[in-house]
Amino acid sequence: MANDTAEPDLARLARRRIIDHMDCDDCTEDYVFLMRQGDREFGIGLTTVLAALAFAEREKAIPPLPPEWWIGINRRYR
């Protein structure tokens, strides 16, 4: 994105599913979203998505999620 007034380049899911890495001993993520932006494909891990969500919540860009939700996420993805 060149500046804030330009329309952003959209990244979309490259496939209609999440790549499950739960059984992978060498992987650092349980789930990876395969994204596509133009001709480029790239993965975004679930922990990155959750960190972005937490950041957006702190910046008041989204409504707050219930504390119980964050506690459940913390217990599941330590």
N, C-alpha and C. Protein backbone atom coordinates (compact mmCIF):
# COMPACT_ATOMS: atom_id res chain seq x y z
N MET A 1 0.86 -1.16 0.00
CA MET A 1 0.00 0.00 0.00
C MET A 1 0.90 1.23 0.00
N ALA A 2 0.70 2.11 -0.93
CA ALA A 2 1.56 3.28 -1.08
C ALA A 2 1.30 4.32 0.01
N ASN A 3 0.03 4.61 0.28
CA ASN A 3 -0.30 5.56 1.35
C ASN A 3 -1.67 5.22 1.92
N ASP A 4 -2.07 5.95 2.94
CA ASP A 4 -3.32 5.63 3.63
C ASP A 4 -4.56 5.90 2.78
N THR A 5 -4.46 6.75 1.76
CA THR A 5 -5.63 7.05 0.95
C THR A 5 -5.78 6.10 -0.22
N ALA A 6 -4.73 5.36 -0.53
CA ALA A 6 -4.81 4.40 -1.63
C ALA A 6 -5.59 3.17 -1.18
N GLU A 7 -6.23 2.53 -2.14
CA GLU A 7 -6.93 1.29 -1.82
C GLU A 7 -5.91 0.20 -1.53
N PRO A 8 -6.08 -0.55 -0.45
CA PRO A 8 -5.08 -1.56 -0.09
C PRO A 8 -5.09 -2.73 -1.07
N ASP A 9 -3.92 -3.36 -1.23
CA ASP A 9 -3.85 -4.61 -1.96
C ASP A 9 -4.43 -5.68 -1.06
N LEU A 10 -5.46 -6.34 -1.52
CA LEU A 10 -6.13 -7.32 -0.67
C LEU A 10 -5.43 -8.66 -0.72
N ALA A 11 -5.30 -9.27 0.43
CA ALA A 11 -4.81 -10.64 0.53
C ALA A 11 -6.03 -11.51 0.81
N ARG A 12 -6.14 -12.59 0.09
CA ARG A 12 -7.29 -13.48 0.24
C ARG A 12 -6.81 -14.89 0.55
N LEU A 13 -7.70 -15.68 1.13
CA LEU A 13 -7.36 -17.08 1.34
C LEU A 13 -7.11 -17.73 -0.01
N ALA A 14 -5.99 -18.43 -0.13
CA ALA A 14 -5.65 -19.10 -1.38
C ALA A 14 -6.44 -20.39 -1.55
N ARG A 15 -6.86 -20.96 -0.45
CA ARG A 15 -7.67 -22.19 -0.48
C ARG A 15 -8.80 -22.02 0.51
N ARG A 16 -9.83 -22.79 0.35
CA ARG A 16 -11.00 -22.69 1.22
C ARG A 16 -10.85 -23.53 2.48
N ARG A 17 -9.63 -23.70 2.93
CA ARG A 17 -9.42 -24.47 4.15
C ARG A 17 -8.18 -23.96 4.85
N ILE A 18 -8.06 -24.36 6.10
CA ILE A 18 -6.88 -24.05 6.90
C ILE A 18 -5.97 -25.26 6.86
N ILE A 19 -4.68 -25.04 6.77
CA ILE A 19 -3.73 -26.14 6.79
C ILE A 19 -3.51 -26.54 8.24
N ASP A 20 -3.84 -27.78 8.56
CA ASP A 20 -3.73 -28.30 9.93
C ASP A 20 -2.32 -28.85 10.14
N HIS A 21 -1.58 -28.25 11.06
CA HIS A 21 -0.22 -28.67 11.38
C HIS A 21 -0.13 -29.29 12.77
N MET A 22 -1.24 -29.68 13.36
CA MET A 22 -1.23 -30.17 14.74
C MET A 22 -0.40 -31.44 14.91
N ASP A 23 -0.32 -32.28 13.88
CA ASP A 23 0.43 -33.53 13.98
C ASP A 23 1.87 -33.39 13.48
N CYS A 24 2.31 -32.19 13.20
CA CYS A 24 3.65 -31.94 12.67
C CYS A 24 4.61 -31.62 13.82
N ASP A 25 5.60 -32.48 14.02
CA ASP A 25 6.55 -32.26 15.11
C ASP A 25 7.52 -31.11 14.84
N ASP A 26 7.75 -30.78 13.57
CA ASP A 26 8.70 -29.73 13.22
C ASP A 26 8.05 -28.36 13.05
N CYS A 27 6.73 -28.29 13.11
CA CYS A 27 6.02 -27.04 12.85
C CYS A 27 5.91 -26.20 14.12
N THR A 28 5.92 -24.90 13.94
CA THR A 28 5.77 -23.99 15.08
C THR A 28 4.34 -23.49 15.22
N GLU A 29 3.47 -23.81 14.27
CA GLU A 29 2.08 -23.39 14.29
C GLU A 29 1.17 -24.60 14.19
N ASP A 30 0.05 -24.57 14.92
CA ASP A 30 -0.94 -25.63 14.77
C ASP A 30 -1.74 -25.47 13.48
N TYR A 31 -2.04 -24.24 13.12
CA TYR A 31 -2.83 -23.96 11.93
C TYR A 31 -2.17 -22.83 11.15
N VAL A 32 -2.20 -22.95 9.82
CA VAL A 32 -1.64 -21.93 8.94
C VAL A 32 -2.69 -21.59 7.89
N PHE A 33 -2.94 -20.31 7.71
CA PHE A 33 -3.84 -19.84 6.67
C PHE A 33 -2.99 -19.55 5.44
N LEU A 34 -3.25 -20.24 4.34
CA LEU A 34 -2.53 -19.99 3.10
C LEU A 34 -3.22 -18.84 2.39
N MET A 35 -2.48 -17.76 2.18
CA MET A 35 -3.03 -16.54 1.61
C MET A 35 -2.48 -16.32 0.21
N ARG A 36 -3.20 -15.52 -0.57
CA ARG A 36 -2.73 -15.14 -1.89
C ARG A 36 -2.95 -13.64 -2.06
N GLN A 37 -1.92 -12.97 -2.55
CA GLN A 37 -2.00 -11.56 -2.89
C GLN A 37 -1.39 -11.42 -4.27
N GLY A 38 -2.23 -11.22 -5.27
CA GLY A 38 -1.75 -11.24 -6.65
C GLY A 38 -1.27 -12.64 -6.99
N ASP A 39 -0.04 -12.74 -7.47
CA ASP A 39 0.54 -14.05 -7.81
C ASP A 39 1.31 -14.67 -6.65
N ARG A 40 1.42 -13.96 -5.55
CA ARG A 40 2.23 -14.42 -4.42
C ARG A 40 1.37 -15.17 -3.41
N GLU A 41 1.83 -16.34 -2.98
CA GLU A 41 1.17 -17.09 -1.91
C GLU A 41 2.07 -17.08 -0.68
N PHE A 42 1.45 -16.99 0.49
CA PHE A 42 2.20 -16.96 1.74
C PHE A 42 1.31 -17.48 2.86
N GLY A 43 1.93 -17.99 3.89
CA GLY A 43 1.19 -18.50 5.02
C GLY A 43 1.18 -17.51 6.18
N ILE A 44 0.08 -17.50 6.91
CA ILE A 44 -0.02 -16.72 8.14
C ILE A 44 -0.46 -17.69 9.23
N GLY A 45 0.35 -17.81 10.26
CA GLY A 45 0.04 -18.71 11.36
C GLY A 45 -1.06 -18.17 12.24
N LEU A 46 -1.75 -19.08 12.89
CA LEU A 46 -2.84 -18.70 13.79
C LEU A 46 -2.36 -17.78 14.91
N THR A 47 -1.16 -18.00 15.43
CA THR A 47 -0.68 -17.13 16.51
C THR A 47 -0.49 -15.70 16.01
N THR A 48 -0.11 -15.53 14.75
CA THR A 48 0.01 -14.19 14.17
C THR A 48 -1.36 -13.54 14.05
N VAL A 49 -2.35 -14.31 13.62
CA VAL A 49 -3.71 -13.79 13.51
C VAL A 49 -4.23 -13.38 14.89
N LEU A 50 -3.98 -14.21 15.90
CA LEU A 50 -4.43 -13.88 17.26
C LEU A 50 -3.71 -12.66 17.81
N ALA A 51 -2.42 -12.52 17.51
CA ALA A 51 -1.67 -11.34 17.96
C ALA A 51 -2.21 -10.08 17.29
N ALA A 52 -2.55 -10.18 16.01
CA ALA A 52 -3.13 -9.02 15.31
C ALA A 52 -4.49 -8.66 15.89
N LEU A 53 -5.26 -9.67 16.24
CA LEU A 53 -6.57 -9.44 16.86
C LEU A 53 -6.41 -8.75 18.22
N ALA A 54 -5.46 -9.20 19.02
CA ALA A 54 -5.20 -8.57 20.32
C ALA A 54 -4.76 -7.13 20.14
N PHE A 55 -3.90 -6.88 19.16
CA PHE A 55 -3.44 -5.51 18.88
C PHE A 55 -4.63 -4.63 18.47
N ALA A 56 -5.47 -5.13 17.57
CA ALA A 56 -6.63 -4.36 17.13
C ALA A 56 -7.57 -4.05 18.30
N GLU A 57 -7.71 -5.00 19.21
CA GLU A 57 -8.55 -4.78 20.38
C GLU A 57 -7.94 -3.70 21.29
N ARG A 58 -6.63 -3.78 21.52
CA ARG A 58 -5.96 -2.76 22.36
C ARG A 58 -6.06 -1.37 21.76
N GLU A 59 -6.01 -1.29 20.43
CA GLU A 59 -6.08 0.00 19.75
C GLU A 59 -7.53 0.47 19.54
N LYS A 60 -8.47 -0.32 20.05
CA LYS A 60 -9.90 -0.01 19.95
C LYS A 60 -10.39 0.03 18.50
N ALA A 61 -9.73 -0.74 17.64
CA ALA A 61 -10.15 -0.86 16.24
C ALA A 61 -11.30 -1.86 16.11
N ILE A 62 -11.46 -2.71 17.11
CA ILE A 62 -12.56 -3.68 17.16
C ILE A 62 -13.14 -3.65 18.57
N PRO A 63 -14.39 -4.10 18.73
CA PRO A 63 -14.96 -4.17 20.07
C PRO A 63 -14.20 -5.19 20.92
N PRO A 64 -14.17 -4.98 22.23
CA PRO A 64 -13.46 -5.93 23.09
C PRO A 64 -14.12 -7.31 23.07
N LEU A 65 -13.27 -8.31 23.12
CA LEU A 65 -13.74 -9.69 23.25
C LEU A 65 -13.84 -10.01 24.74
N PRO A 66 -14.72 -10.93 25.10
CA PRO A 66 -14.87 -11.28 26.52
C PRO A 66 -13.56 -11.84 27.09
N PRO A 67 -13.24 -11.48 28.33
CA PRO A 67 -12.02 -12.02 28.95
C PRO A 67 -11.98 -13.54 28.94
N GLU A 68 -13.14 -14.19 29.08
CA GLU A 68 -13.18 -15.65 29.07
C GLU A 68 -12.69 -16.21 27.74
N TRP A 69 -12.95 -15.50 26.65
CA TRP A 69 -12.49 -15.95 25.33
C TRP A 69 -10.97 -15.93 25.29
N TRP A 70 -10.38 -14.83 25.75
CA TRP A 70 -8.92 -14.74 25.75
C TRP A 70 -8.29 -15.77 26.69
N ILE A 71 -8.94 -16.05 27.82
CA ILE A 71 -8.43 -17.07 28.74
C ILE A 71 -8.43 -18.44 28.06
N GLY A 72 -9.52 -18.75 27.36
CA GLY A 72 -9.60 -20.02 26.63
C GLY A 72 -8.53 -20.13 25.55
N ILE A 73 -8.29 -19.04 24.84
CA ILE A 73 -7.25 -19.03 23.80
C ILE A 73 -5.89 -19.22 24.44
N ASN A 74 -5.64 -18.53 25.54
CA ASN A 74 -4.35 -18.65 26.23
C ASN A 74 -4.10 -20.08 26.70
N ARG A 75 -5.12 -20.72 27.22
CA ARG A 75 -4.96 -22.10 27.69
C ARG A 75 -4.70 -23.07 26.53
N ARG A 76 -5.33 -22.79 25.40
CA ARG A 76 -5.21 -23.70 24.26
C ARG A 76 -3.90 -23.54 23.51
N TYR A 77 -3.40 -22.31 23.39
CA TYR A 77 -2.22 -22.04 22.55
C TYR A 77 -1.07 -21.47 23.36
N ARG A 78 -0.68 -22.13 24.41
CA ARG A 78 0.48 -21.70 25.21
C ARG A 78 1.76 -22.00 24.49
